[in-house]
Amino acid sequence: MTKETHILERPPEGAAADWTIPQQWERYTAEEHATWDRLFARQAKLLPGRASQAYLRGLEALELSKSGIPDFEELSERLMKLTGWRVVAVPGLVPDDVFFDHMANRRFVAGNFIRRADQLDYIQEPDVFHDVFGHVPMLADPVFADYLEAYGRGGMRALDLGALKQLGRLYWYTVEFGLVREAGGLRIYGSGIVSSFGESLFALDDPSPNRIGFDMRRVMRTEYRIDDFQQNYFVIPSFEELLRQTVETDFAPLYEEILPLPDIPVAAILPGDAVITRGTQEYAKGRA
């Protein structure tokens, strides 16, 4: 089922109007299932003590340790009982309005392809391991499940207000690369971290990146890297607080306030930042 590109402009033949497709679980090869198992085993060994308890609870509740790529129907049945979400297969990256509509209706879109065996450490496009292992365990947490639904509703409004870039940064620095204060320290919960062996170590242990207390306006102005480890991580105090700020914020005046302001460069520290760890930026300097 591996393909070379998964970025599409229109639903492919056989896809529904909402871009969903059958997962076709029976078509995965033994090699593809083995790739999942190899990735799972490596991350499952690494994450205890690093990942948030919400993520680890979800991993267990959804029985993702079962060998092989998960069957979305079985996975959705377990997830629906917990938080009312389900997982639907899509052929690749879908248009923004389609993505937001699915999320607002508690449908998580996931690619049905898996990376090649020679791409274990990095793949640019999200595959089934990133989407399911990275994202879905957090959907088993009721508070985070509510946050993602609220984000989906907000996404439709951001499209109308011309603020997609700003809202996308909120997703990037929370859902994809977020840290949370927990058990007296920092824990990872963002899917881009928990599904990556290298970044699971880098995000918590490396002295290079900045770790900054979460501020929504700050996050929405901050640029990010899509092709390397992050140089800024934003730390939420709790998932409850992230949800509270999201549902209580009137985003229209917030967008009006920040849209004229300049973007904040990657790795920048501002005078008002709640700096938890000021990074050395040695990693970034070595990659320049």
C-alpha atoms as a PDB file:
ATOM      1  CA  MET A   1       0.000   0.000   0.000  1.00  0.00           C
ATOM      2  CA  THR A   2       3.041   2.296   0.050  1.00  0.00           C
ATOM      3  CA  LYS A   3       2.865   5.250  -2.342  1.00  0.00           C
ATOM      4  CA  GLU A   4       5.355   7.951  -3.236  1.00  0.00           C
ATOM      5  CA  THR A   5       3.035  10.924  -2.750  1.00  0.00           C
ATOM      6  CA  HIS A   6      -0.088  11.481  -0.705  1.00  0.00           C
ATOM      7  CA  ILE A   7      -0.776  15.175  -1.287  1.00  0.00           C
ATOM      8  CA  LEU A   8      -3.874  15.415  -3.469  1.00  0.00           C
ATOM      9  CA  GLU A   9      -5.980  18.225  -4.929  1.00  0.00           C
ATOM     10  CA  ARG A  10      -9.247  16.302  -5.239  1.00  0.00           C
ATOM     11  CA  PRO A  11     -10.705  13.076  -3.868  1.00  0.00           C
ATOM     12  CA  PRO A  12      -9.306  10.126  -5.798  1.00  0.00           C
ATOM     13  CA  GLU A  13     -11.519   7.655  -7.558  1.00  0.00           C
ATOM     14  CA  GLY A  14     -13.362   5.542  -5.032  1.00  0.00           C
ATOM     15  CA  ALA A  15     -13.195   8.133  -2.233  1.00  0.00           C
ATOM     16  CA  ALA A  16     -16.325   9.545  -0.651  1.00  0.00           C
ATOM     17  CA  ALA A  17     -17.225  13.210  -0.955  1.00  0.00           C
ATOM     18  CA  ASP A  18     -15.646  13.794   2.468  1.00  0.00           C
ATOM     19  CA  TRP A  19     -12.376  12.253   1.181  1.00  0.00           C
ATOM     20  CA  THR A  20     -12.666   9.106   3.289  1.00  0.00           C
ATOM     21  CA  ILE A  21     -11.660   5.769   1.804  1.00  0.00           C
ATOM     22  CA  PRO A  22     -11.709   2.174   3.014  1.00  0.00           C
ATOM     23  CA  GLN A  23      -8.634   1.356   5.047  1.00  0.00           C
ATOM     24  CA  GLN A  24      -8.319  -2.005   3.229  1.00  0.00           C
ATOM     25  CA  TRP A  25      -6.567  -3.520   6.221  1.00  0.00           C
ATOM     26  CA  GLU A  26      -6.406  -6.907   4.494  1.00  0.00           C
ATOM     27  CA  ARG A  27      -4.075  -5.483   1.835  1.00  0.00           C
ATOM     28  CA  TYR A  28      -1.212  -4.644   4.190  1.00  0.00           C
ATOM     29  CA  THR A  29       1.784  -6.860   3.584  1.00  0.00           C
ATOM     30  CA  ALA A  30       3.694  -8.811   6.201  1.00  0.00           C
ATOM     31  CA  GLU A  31       6.572  -6.362   5.707  1.00  0.00           C
ATOM     32  CA  GLU A  32       4.299  -3.389   6.413  1.00  0.00           C
ATOM     33  CA  HIS A  33       2.951  -4.990   9.581  1.00  0.00           C
ATOM     34  CA  ALA A  34       6.537  -5.727  10.618  1.00  0.00           C
ATOM     35  CA  THR A  35       7.467  -2.066  10.084  1.00  0.00           C
ATOM     36  CA  TRP A  36       4.648  -1.033  12.448  1.00  0.00           C
ATOM     37  CA  ASP A  37       5.757  -3.579  15.041  1.00  0.00           C
ATOM     38  CA  ARG A  38       9.351  -2.402  14.857  1.00  0.00           C
ATOM     39  CA  LEU A  39       8.361   1.242  15.262  1.00  0.00           C
ATOM     40  CA  PHE A  40       5.926   0.419  18.073  1.00  0.00           C
ATOM     41  CA  ALA A  41       8.422  -1.653  20.045  1.00  0.00           C
ATOM     42  CA  ARG A  42      11.062   1.073  19.884  1.00  0.00           C
ATOM     43  CA  GLN A  43       8.711   3.830  21.066  1.00  0.00           C
ATOM     44  CA  ALA A  44       6.871   1.750  23.661  1.00  0.00           C
ATOM     45  CA  LYS A  45      10.189   1.028  25.361  1.00  0.00           C
ATOM     46  CA  LEU A  46      11.244   4.672  25.312  1.00  0.00           C
ATOM     47  CA  LEU A  47       8.084   6.543  26.337  1.00  0.00           C
ATOM     48  CA  PRO A  48       7.348   5.480  29.944  1.00  0.00           C
ATOM     49  CA  GLY A  49       8.567   8.317  32.157  1.00  0.00           C
ATOM     50  CA  ARG A  50       8.691  10.634  29.132  1.00  0.00           C
ATOM     51  CA  ALA A  51       5.166  10.664  27.740  1.00  0.00           C
ATOM     52  CA  SER A  52       2.218  12.122  29.617  1.00  0.00           C
ATOM     53  CA  GLN A  53       0.029   9.793  31.624  1.00  0.00           C
ATOM     54  CA  ALA A  54      -2.903  10.701  29.389  1.00  0.00           C
ATOM     55  CA  TYR A  55      -1.010   9.400  26.372  1.00  0.00           C
ATOM     56  CA  LEU A  56       0.162   6.214  28.102  1.00  0.00           C
ATOM     57  CA  ARG A  57      -3.342   5.492  29.408  1.00  0.00           C
ATOM     58  CA  GLY A  58      -4.720   5.880  25.902  1.00  0.00           C
ATOM     59  CA  LEU A  59      -2.087   3.590  24.448  1.00  0.00           C
ATOM     60  CA  GLU A  60      -3.168   0.876  26.875  1.00  0.00           C
ATOM     61  CA  ALA A  61      -6.919   1.466  26.676  1.00  0.00           C
ATOM     62  CA  LEU A  62      -6.908   1.248  22.887  1.00  0.00           C
ATOM     63  CA  GLU A  63      -4.868  -1.968  22.904  1.00  0.00           C
ATOM     64  CA  LEU A  64      -2.358  -0.614  20.415  1.00  0.00           C
ATOM     65  CA  SER A  65       0.250  -3.104  21.575  1.00  0.00           C
ATOM     66  CA  LYS A  66      -1.542  -5.751  19.520  1.00  0.00           C
ATOM     67  CA  SER A  67       0.798  -6.887  16.733  1.00  0.00           C
ATOM     68  CA  GLY A  68       0.417  -5.297  13.319  1.00  0.00           C
ATOM     69  CA  ILE A  69      -1.143  -2.142  11.912  1.00  0.00           C
ATOM     70  CA  PRO A  70      -4.426  -1.491  13.743  1.00  0.00           C
ATOM     71  CA  ASP A  71      -7.738  -2.127  12.015  1.00  0.00           C
ATOM     72  CA  PHE A  72      -9.514   1.250  12.057  1.00  0.00           C
ATOM     73  CA  GLU A  73     -12.933  -0.333  12.583  1.00  0.00           C
ATOM     74  CA  GLU A  74     -11.795  -2.179  15.704  1.00  0.00           C
ATOM     75  CA  LEU A  75      -9.871   0.858  16.928  1.00  0.00           C
ATOM     76  CA  SER A  76     -12.851   3.163  16.389  1.00  0.00           C
ATOM     77  CA  GLU A  77     -15.133   0.831  18.318  1.00  0.00           C
ATOM     78  CA  ARG A  78     -12.880   1.097  21.379  1.00  0.00           C
ATOM     79  CA  LEU A  79     -12.378   4.841  20.954  1.00  0.00           C
ATOM     80  CA  MET A  80     -16.092   5.562  20.521  1.00  0.00           C
ATOM     81  CA  LYS A  81     -16.813   3.955  23.888  1.00  0.00           C
ATOM     82  CA  LEU A  82     -14.258   6.221  25.558  1.00  0.00           C
ATOM     83  CA  THR A  83     -14.772   9.652  23.988  1.00  0.00           C
ATOM     84  CA  GLY A  84     -17.061   9.375  20.969  1.00  0.00           C
ATOM     85  CA  TRP A  85     -14.249   9.752  18.432  1.00  0.00           C
ATOM     86  CA  ARG A  86     -13.505   7.423  15.558  1.00  0.00           C
ATOM     87  CA  VAL A  87     -10.667   7.023  13.068  1.00  0.00           C
ATOM     88  CA  VAL A  88     -11.330   7.317   9.335  1.00  0.00           C
ATOM     89  CA  ALA A  89      -8.907   6.584   6.522  1.00  0.00           C
ATOM     90  CA  VAL A  90      -7.985   9.213   3.935  1.00  0.00           C
ATOM     91  CA  PRO A  91      -5.651   8.917   0.926  1.00  0.00           C
ATOM     92  CA  GLY A  92      -3.283  11.650   2.074  1.00  0.00           C
ATOM     93  CA  LEU A  93      -3.263  15.257   3.208  1.00  0.00           C
ATOM     94  CA  VAL A  94      -6.794  16.602   2.782  1.00  0.00           C
ATOM     95  CA  PRO A  95      -7.990  20.198   2.206  1.00  0.00           C
ATOM     96  CA  ASP A  96      -8.239  22.373   5.298  1.00  0.00           C
ATOM     97  CA  ASP A  97     -12.023  22.639   5.298  1.00  0.00           C
ATOM     98  CA  VAL A  98     -12.362  18.855   5.053  1.00  0.00           C
ATOM     99  CA  PHE A  99      -9.861  18.366   7.879  1.00  0.00           C
ATOM    100  CA  PHE A 100     -11.660  20.807  10.171  1.00  0.00           C
ATOM    101  CA  ASP A 101     -15.099  19.389   9.426  1.00  0.00           C
ATOM    102  CA  HIS A 102     -13.994  15.873  10.330  1.00  0.00           C
ATOM    103  CA  MET A 103     -12.380  17.083  13.534  1.00  0.00           C
ATOM    104  CA  ALA A 104     -15.381  19.178  14.566  1.00  0.00           C
ATOM    105  CA  ASN A 105     -17.477  16.022  14.223  1.00  0.00           C
ATOM    106  CA  ARG A 106     -15.068  13.802  16.184  1.00  0.00           C
ATOM    107  CA  ARG A 107     -13.641  12.002  13.197  1.00  0.00           C
ATOM    108  CA  PHE A 108      -9.856  11.761  13.146  1.00  0.00           C
ATOM    109  CA  VAL A 109      -8.437  11.436   9.632  1.00  0.00           C
ATOM    110  CA  ALA A 110      -5.496   9.058   9.269  1.00  0.00           C
ATOM    111  CA  GLY A 111      -3.384   8.036   6.326  1.00  0.00           C
ATOM    112  CA  ASN A 112      -3.708   4.354   5.472  1.00  0.00           C
ATOM    113  CA  PHE A 113      -0.144   3.935   4.192  1.00  0.00           C
ATOM    114  CA  ILE A 114       2.963   3.206   6.232  1.00  0.00           C
ATOM    115  CA  ARG A 115       6.498   4.376   5.678  1.00  0.00           C
ATOM    116  CA  ARG A 116       9.099   2.150   4.078  1.00  0.00           C
ATOM    117  CA  ALA A 117      11.508   0.185   6.230  1.00  0.00           C
ATOM    118  CA  ASP A 118      14.295   2.630   5.263  1.00  0.00           C
ATOM    119  CA  GLN A 119      12.233   5.595   6.558  1.00  0.00           C
ATOM    120  CA  LEU A 120      11.934   4.566  10.188  1.00  0.00           C
ATOM    121  CA  ASP A 121      13.452   7.753  11.577  1.00  0.00           C
ATOM    122  CA  TYR A 122      11.830  10.364   9.335  1.00  0.00           C
ATOM    123  CA  ILE A 123       9.029  10.751   6.840  1.00  0.00           C
ATOM    124  CA  GLN A 124       7.755  14.166   5.746  1.00  0.00           C
ATOM    125  CA  GLU A 125       4.136  13.175   5.211  1.00  0.00           C
ATOM    126  CA  PRO A 126       2.138  11.709   8.106  1.00  0.00           C
ATOM    127  CA  ASP A 127       1.677   7.959   7.747  1.00  0.00           C
ATOM    128  CA  VAL A 128      -0.452   5.512   9.703  1.00  0.00           C
ATOM    129  CA  PHE A 129       2.161   5.210  12.446  1.00  0.00           C
ATOM    130  CA  HIS A 130       2.360   8.946  13.006  1.00  0.00           C
ATOM    131  CA  ASP A 131      -1.405   9.352  12.823  1.00  0.00           C
ATOM    132  CA  VAL A 132      -2.467   6.364  14.908  1.00  0.00           C
ATOM    133  CA  PHE A 133       0.398   5.792  17.343  1.00  0.00           C
ATOM    134  CA  GLY A 134       1.109   9.514  17.620  1.00  0.00           C
ATOM    135  CA  HIS A 135      -2.362  11.049  17.751  1.00  0.00           C
ATOM    136  CA  VAL A 136      -5.017   8.519  18.642  1.00  0.00           C
ATOM    137  CA  PRO A 137      -3.989   7.648  22.237  1.00  0.00           C
ATOM    138  CA  MET A 138      -4.578  11.281  23.225  1.00  0.00           C
ATOM    139  CA  LEU A 139      -8.089  11.061  21.776  1.00  0.00           C
ATOM    140  CA  ALA A 140      -8.893   8.535  24.500  1.00  0.00           C
ATOM    141  CA  ASP A 141      -8.493  11.338  27.056  1.00  0.00           C
ATOM    142  CA  PRO A 142     -11.841  13.151  27.486  1.00  0.00           C
ATOM    143  CA  VAL A 143     -10.316  16.596  28.014  1.00  0.00           C
ATOM    144  CA  PHE A 144      -7.979  16.429  25.042  1.00  0.00           C
ATOM    145  CA  ALA A 145     -10.753  14.925  22.929  1.00  0.00           C
ATOM    146  CA  ASP A 146     -12.856  18.000  23.706  1.00  0.00           C
ATOM    147  CA  TYR A 147      -9.920  20.266  22.836  1.00  0.00           C
ATOM    148  CA  LEU A 148      -9.545  18.742  19.371  1.00  0.00           C
ATOM    149  CA  GLU A 149     -13.259  19.030  18.674  1.00  0.00           C
ATOM    150  CA  ALA A 150     -13.139  22.698  19.706  1.00  0.00           C
ATOM    151  CA  TYR A 151     -10.099  23.187  17.492  1.00  0.00           C
ATOM    152  CA  GLY A 152     -11.972  21.742  14.515  1.00  0.00           C
ATOM    153  CA  ARG A 153     -14.854  24.149  15.040  1.00  0.00           C
ATOM    154  CA  GLY A 154     -12.395  27.010  15.370  1.00  0.00           C
ATOM    155  CA  GLY A 155     -10.680  25.992  12.163  1.00  0.00           C
ATOM    156  CA  MET A 156     -13.772  26.660  10.086  1.00  0.00           C
ATOM    157  CA  ARG A 157     -13.975  30.144  11.578  1.00  0.00           C
ATOM    158  CA  ALA A 158     -10.260  30.781  10.989  1.00  0.00           C
ATOM    159  CA  LEU A 159     -10.735  30.031   7.299  1.00  0.00           C
ATOM    160  CA  ASP A 160     -13.416  32.725   7.107  1.00  0.00           C
ATOM    161  CA  LEU A 161     -11.272  35.220   9.034  1.00  0.00           C
ATOM    162  CA  GLY A 162      -8.063  34.685   7.050  1.00  0.00           C
ATOM    163  CA  ALA A 163      -6.179  33.388  10.081  1.00  0.00           C
ATOM    164  CA  LEU A 164      -5.403  29.813   9.076  1.00  0.00           C
ATOM    165  CA  LYS A 165      -1.645  30.285   9.471  1.00  0.00           C
ATOM    166  CA  GLN A 166      -2.060  31.587  13.010  1.00  0.00           C
ATOM    167  CA  LEU A 167      -4.426  28.810  14.081  1.00  0.00           C
ATOM    168  CA  GLY A 168      -2.212  26.224  12.419  1.00  0.00           C
ATOM    169  CA  ARG A 169       0.613  27.253  14.715  1.00  0.00           C
ATOM    170  CA  LEU A 170      -1.571  26.486  17.720  1.00  0.00           C
ATOM    171  CA  TYR A 171      -2.070  22.960  16.376  1.00  0.00           C
ATOM    172  CA  TRP A 172       1.639  22.600  15.643  1.00  0.00           C
ATOM    173  CA  TYR A 173       2.831  23.647  19.067  1.00  0.00           C
ATOM    174  CA  THR A 174       0.193  21.693  20.998  1.00  0.00           C
ATOM    175  CA  VAL A 175      -1.200  18.684  19.123  1.00  0.00           C
ATOM    176  CA  GLU A 176       2.008  17.981  17.198  1.00  0.00           C
ATOM    177  CA  PHE A 177       4.855  19.198  19.418  1.00  0.00           C
ATOM    178  CA  GLY A 178       3.408  20.038  22.814  1.00  0.00           C
ATOM    179  CA  LEU A 179       4.883  19.498  26.276  1.00  0.00           C
ATOM    180  CA  VAL A 180       2.916  19.417  29.537  1.00  0.00           C
ATOM    181  CA  ARG A 181       3.874  19.875  33.194  1.00  0.00           C
ATOM    182  CA  GLU A 182       3.175  16.614  34.957  1.00  0.00           C
ATOM    183  CA  ALA A 183       4.503  14.580  37.866  1.00  0.00           C
ATOM    184  CA  GLY A 184       6.923  17.312  38.876  1.00  0.00           C
ATOM    185  CA  GLY A 185       8.536  17.644  35.467  1.00  0.00           C
ATOM    186  CA  LEU A 186       7.947  17.985  31.751  1.00  0.00           C
ATOM    187  CA  ARG A 187       6.285  15.275  29.682  1.00  0.00           C
ATOM    188  CA  ILE A 188       5.663  14.928  25.962  1.00  0.00           C
ATOM    189  CA  TYR A 189       2.231  14.552  24.421  1.00  0.00           C
ATOM    190  CA  GLY A 190       2.526  15.989  20.904  1.00  0.00           C
ATOM    191  CA  SER A 191       2.215  13.350  18.197  1.00  0.00           C
ATOM    192  CA  GLY A 192       5.253  14.570  16.291  1.00  0.00           C
ATOM    193  CA  ILE A 193       7.348  13.876  19.380  1.00  0.00           C
ATOM    194  CA  VAL A 194       5.865  10.645  20.720  1.00  0.00           C
ATOM    195  CA  SER A 195       6.032   8.999  17.282  1.00  0.00           C
ATOM    196  CA  SER A 196       9.682  10.015  16.758  1.00  0.00           C
ATOM    197  CA  PHE A 197      12.514   8.185  18.508  1.00  0.00           C
ATOM    198  CA  GLY A 198      14.951  11.047  18.059  1.00  0.00           C
ATOM    199  CA  GLU A 199      12.629  13.865  19.090  1.00  0.00           C
ATOM    200  CA  SER A 200      11.321  11.939  22.098  1.00  0.00           C
ATOM    201  CA  LEU A 201      14.858  12.274  23.442  1.00  0.00           C
ATOM    202  CA  PHE A 202      15.639  15.721  22.048  1.00  0.00           C
ATOM    203  CA  ALA A 203      12.496  17.464  23.320  1.00  0.00           C
ATOM    204  CA  LEU A 204      13.194  16.649  26.973  1.00  0.00           C
ATOM    205  CA  ASP A 205      16.942  16.031  27.239  1.00  0.00           C
ATOM    206  CA  ASP A 206      18.803  18.193  24.747  1.00  0.00           C
ATOM    207  CA  PRO A 207      20.074  21.592  25.963  1.00  0.00           C
ATOM    208  CA  SER A 208      19.557  23.185  22.545  1.00  0.00           C
ATOM    209  CA  PRO A 209      15.834  24.080  22.359  1.00  0.00           C
ATOM    210  CA  ASN A 210      13.919  26.689  24.303  1.00  0.00           C
ATOM    211  CA  ARG A 211      11.115  25.424  26.531  1.00  0.00           C
ATOM    212  CA  ILE A 212       8.623  28.215  27.145  1.00  0.00           C
ATOM    213  CA  GLY A 213       5.412  28.486  29.128  1.00  0.00           C
ATOM    214  CA  PHE A 214       2.362  28.375  26.874  1.00  0.00           C
ATOM    215  CA  ASP A 215       0.862  31.693  25.796  1.00  0.00           C
ATOM    216  CA  MET A 216      -1.721  31.553  23.016  1.00  0.00           C
ATOM    217  CA  ARG A 217      -0.859  34.892  21.412  1.00  0.00           C
ATOM    218  CA  ARG A 218       2.826  34.073  21.496  1.00  0.00           C
ATOM    219  CA  VAL A 219       2.271  30.633  19.981  1.00  0.00           C
ATOM    220  CA  MET A 220       0.100  31.944  17.169  1.00  0.00           C
ATOM    221  CA  ARG A 221       2.832  34.351  16.077  1.00  0.00           C
ATOM    222  CA  THR A 222       5.710  31.862  16.214  1.00  0.00           C
ATOM    223  CA  GLU A 223       7.179  30.286  13.110  1.00  0.00           C
ATOM    224  CA  TYR A 224       8.221  26.614  13.099  1.00  0.00           C
ATOM    225  CA  ARG A 225      10.323  24.076  11.243  1.00  0.00           C
ATOM    226  CA  ILE A 226       8.651  21.213   9.418  1.00  0.00           C
ATOM    227  CA  ASP A 227      11.819  19.343   8.432  1.00  0.00           C
ATOM    228  CA  ASP A 228      13.847  19.129  11.644  1.00  0.00           C
ATOM    229  CA  PHE A 229      13.657  19.045  15.424  1.00  0.00           C
ATOM    230  CA  GLN A 230      11.911  22.029  16.975  1.00  0.00           C
ATOM    231  CA  GLN A 231      13.876  24.820  18.604  1.00  0.00           C
ATOM    232  CA  ASN A 232      10.904  26.070  20.631  1.00  0.00           C
ATOM    233  CA  TYR A 233       8.639  23.844  22.705  1.00  0.00           C
ATOM    234  CA  PHE A 234       5.669  25.356  24.517  1.00  0.00           C
ATOM    235  CA  VAL A 235       4.642  23.874  27.847  1.00  0.00           C
ATOM    236  CA  ILE A 236       1.002  23.796  28.945  1.00  0.00           C
ATOM    237  CA  PRO A 237       0.251  23.592  32.683  1.00  0.00           C
ATOM    238  CA  SER A 238      -2.498  20.998  32.091  1.00  0.00           C
ATOM    239  CA  PHE A 239      -4.868  19.749  29.414  1.00  0.00           C
ATOM    240  CA  GLU A 240      -7.749  21.283  31.345  1.00  0.00           C
ATOM    241  CA  GLU A 241      -6.132  24.712  31.087  1.00  0.00           C
ATOM    242  CA  LEU A 242      -5.480  24.278  27.361  1.00  0.00           C
ATOM    243  CA  LEU A 243      -9.142  23.417  26.830  1.00  0.00           C
ATOM    244  CA  ARG A 244     -10.326  26.280  29.027  1.00  0.00           C
ATOM    245  CA  GLN A 245      -8.318  28.863  27.135  1.00  0.00           C
ATOM    246  CA  THR A 246      -9.494  27.488  23.810  1.00  0.00           C
ATOM    247  CA  VAL A 247     -13.219  27.505  24.557  1.00  0.00           C
ATOM    248  CA  GLU A 248     -13.176  30.789  26.488  1.00  0.00           C
ATOM    249  CA  THR A 249     -11.176  32.803  23.955  1.00  0.00           C
ATOM    250  CA  ASP A 250     -13.002  34.919  21.387  1.00  0.00           C
ATOM    251  CA  PHE A 251     -10.676  34.327  18.459  1.00  0.00           C
ATOM    252  CA  ALA A 252     -12.022  37.059  16.169  1.00  0.00           C
ATOM    253  CA  PRO A 253     -10.561  39.988  18.169  1.00  0.00           C
ATOM    254  CA  LEU A 254      -7.465  37.901  18.882  1.00  0.00           C
ATOM    255  CA  TYR A 255      -6.836  37.474  15.152  1.00  0.00           C
ATOM    256  CA  GLU A 256      -7.512  41.170  14.613  1.00  0.00           C
ATOM    257  CA  GLU A 257      -4.859  41.935  17.211  1.00  0.00           C
ATOM    258  CA  ILE A 258      -2.101  39.608  16.004  1.00  0.00           C
ATOM    259  CA  LEU A 259      -2.532  39.535  12.217  1.00  0.00           C
ATOM    260  CA  PRO A 260      -0.780  42.916  11.713  1.00  0.00           C
ATOM    261  CA  LEU A 261       2.101  41.927  14.006  1.00  0.00           C
ATOM    262  CA  PRO A 262       5.348  40.458  12.669  1.00  0.00           C
ATOM    263  CA  ASP A 263       5.991  36.742  12.938  1.00  0.00           C
ATOM    264  CA  ILE A 264       8.297  35.621  15.728  1.00  0.00           C
ATOM    265  CA  PRO A 265      11.322  33.738  14.357  1.00  0.00           C
ATOM    266  CA  VAL A 266      12.102  30.170  15.296  1.00  0.00           C
ATOM    267  CA  ALA A 267      14.206  29.977  18.483  1.00  0.00           C
ATOM    268  CA  ALA A 268      13.574  33.591  19.501  1.00  0.00           C
ATOM    269  CA  ILE A 269      13.129  34.501  23.163  1.00  0.00           C
ATOM    270  CA  LEU A 270      10.947  37.517  23.959  1.00  0.00           C
ATOM    271  CA  PRO A 271      11.192  39.689  27.107  1.00  0.00           C
ATOM    272  CA  GLY A 272       7.784  38.550  28.338  1.00  0.00           C
ATOM    273  CA  ASP A 273       8.339  34.827  27.807  1.00  0.00           C
ATOM    274  CA  ALA A 274       7.972  32.472  30.748  1.00  0.00           C
ATOM    275  CA  VAL A 275      11.236  30.705  30.025  1.00  0.00           C
ATOM    276  CA  ILE A 276      11.528  27.264  31.564  1.00  0.00           C
ATOM    277  CA  THR A 277      14.728  26.343  29.734  1.00  0.00           C
ATOM    278  CA  ARG A 278      16.704  28.829  27.666  1.00  0.00           C
ATOM    279  CA  GLY A 279      18.242  26.783  24.903  1.00  0.00           C
ATOM    280  CA  THR A 280      21.846  26.882  23.799  1.00  0.00           C
ATOM    281  CA  GLN A 281      20.802  26.580  20.138  1.00  0.00           C
ATOM    282  CA  GLU A 282      23.848  24.396  19.517  1.00  0.00           C
ATOM    283  CA  TYR A 283      21.811  21.931  17.500  1.00  0.00           C
ATOM    284  CA  ALA A 284      20.481  24.684  15.234  1.00  0.00           C
ATOM    285  CA  LYS A 285      23.953  26.163  14.772  1.00  0.00           C
ATOM    286  CA  GLY A 286      25.297  22.779  13.716  1.00  0.00           C
ATOM    287  CA  ARG A 287      22.548  22.434  11.095  1.00  0.00           C
ATOM    288  CA  ALA A 288      22.937  25.937   9.657  1.00  0.00           C
END
